[in-house]
C-alpha cells in the first residue's frame, strides 16, 4: 500500500514537473517567436 502511494506521489510529482516545463516552453515560444519574426523580416528587408 505504501509503495503504491509512493509511486503515485512520484508520478504526481513527475506530472507536475512536466506541466511546469511545458508551460515554461510555451511561454518561451510565445516570447521568442515575435523576436524571431522581427529578425527574419528585418534581415529579409
C-alpha atoms as a PDB file:
ATOM      1  CA  UNK A   1       0.000   0.000   0.000  1.00  0.00           C
ATOM      2  CA  UNK A   2       2.722   2.450   0.986  1.00  0.00           C
ATOM      3  CA  UNK A   3       4.746   1.527  -2.098  1.00  0.00           C
ATOM      4  CA  UNK A   4       1.760   2.227  -4.347  1.00  0.00           C
ATOM      5  CA  UNK A   5       1.221   5.540  -2.572  1.00  0.00           C
ATOM      6  CA  UNK A   6       4.896   6.430  -3.030  1.00  0.00           C
ATOM      7  CA  UNK A   7       4.709   5.522  -6.719  1.00  0.00           C
ATOM      8  CA  UNK A   8       1.532   7.562  -7.082  1.00  0.00           C
ATOM      9  CA  UNK A   9       3.158  10.534  -5.351  1.00  0.00           C
ATOM     10  CA  UNK A  10       6.230  10.213  -7.552  1.00  0.00           C
ATOM     11  CA  UNK A  11       4.086  10.099 -10.684  1.00  0.00           C
ATOM     12  CA  UNK A  12       2.172  13.150  -9.489  1.00  0.00           C
ATOM     13  CA  UNK A  13       5.462  14.977  -8.929  1.00  0.00           C
ATOM     14  CA  UNK A  14       6.723  13.984 -12.371  1.00  0.00           C
ATOM     15  CA  UNK A  15       3.453  15.119 -13.932  1.00  0.00           C
ATOM     16  CA  UNK A  16       3.679  18.449 -12.108  1.00  0.00           C
ATOM     17  CA  UNK A  17       7.277  18.898 -13.284  1.00  0.00           C
ATOM     18  CA  UNK A  18       6.312  18.054 -16.871  1.00  0.00           C
ATOM     19  CA  UNK A  19       3.415  20.507 -16.725  1.00  0.00           C
ATOM     20  CA  UNK A  20       5.713  23.239 -15.377  1.00  0.00           C
ATOM     21  CA  UNK A  21       8.310  22.512 -18.074  1.00  0.00           C
ATOM     22  CA  UNK A  22       5.622  22.524 -20.768  1.00  0.00           C
ATOM     23  CA  UNK A  23       4.239  25.855 -19.526  1.00  0.00           C
ATOM     24  CA  UNK A  24       7.751  27.338 -19.476  1.00  0.00           C
ATOM     25  CA  UNK A  25       8.399  26.056 -23.001  1.00  0.00           C
ATOM     26  CA  UNK A  26       5.121  27.536 -24.272  1.00  0.00           C
ATOM     27  CA  UNK A  27       5.859  30.854 -22.551  1.00  0.00           C
ATOM     28  CA  UNK A  28       9.365  30.870 -24.060  1.00  0.00           C
ATOM     29  CA  UNK A  29       7.994  30.151 -27.545  1.00  0.00           C
ATOM     30  CA  UNK A  30       5.377  32.893 -27.186  1.00  0.00           C
ATOM     31  CA  UNK A  31       8.054  35.335 -26.005  1.00  0.00           C
ATOM     32  CA  UNK A  32      10.695  34.357 -28.585  1.00  0.00           C
ATOM     33  CA  UNK A  33       8.589  33.860 -31.732  1.00  0.00           C
ATOM     34  CA  UNK A  34       7.829  37.599 -32.221  1.00  0.00           C
ATOM     35  CA  UNK A  35      11.547  38.350 -31.901  1.00  0.00           C
ATOM     36  CA  UNK A  36      12.399  35.665 -34.471  1.00  0.00           C
ATOM     37  CA  UNK A  37       9.660  37.007 -36.784  1.00  0.00           C
ATOM     38  CA  UNK A  38      11.012  40.568 -36.496  1.00  0.00           C
ATOM     39  CA  UNK A  39      14.616  39.429 -37.017  1.00  0.00           C
ATOM     40  CA  UNK A  40      13.676  37.370 -40.093  1.00  0.00           C
ATOM     41  CA  UNK A  41      11.686  40.210 -41.632  1.00  0.00           C
ATOM     42  CA  UNK A  42      14.293  42.869 -40.834  1.00  0.00           C
ATOM     43  CA  UNK A  43      17.092  40.736 -42.316  1.00  0.00           C
ATOM     44  CA  UNK A  44      14.969  39.871 -45.362  1.00  0.00           C
ATOM     45  CA  UNK A  45      14.059  43.512 -45.917  1.00  0.00           C
END
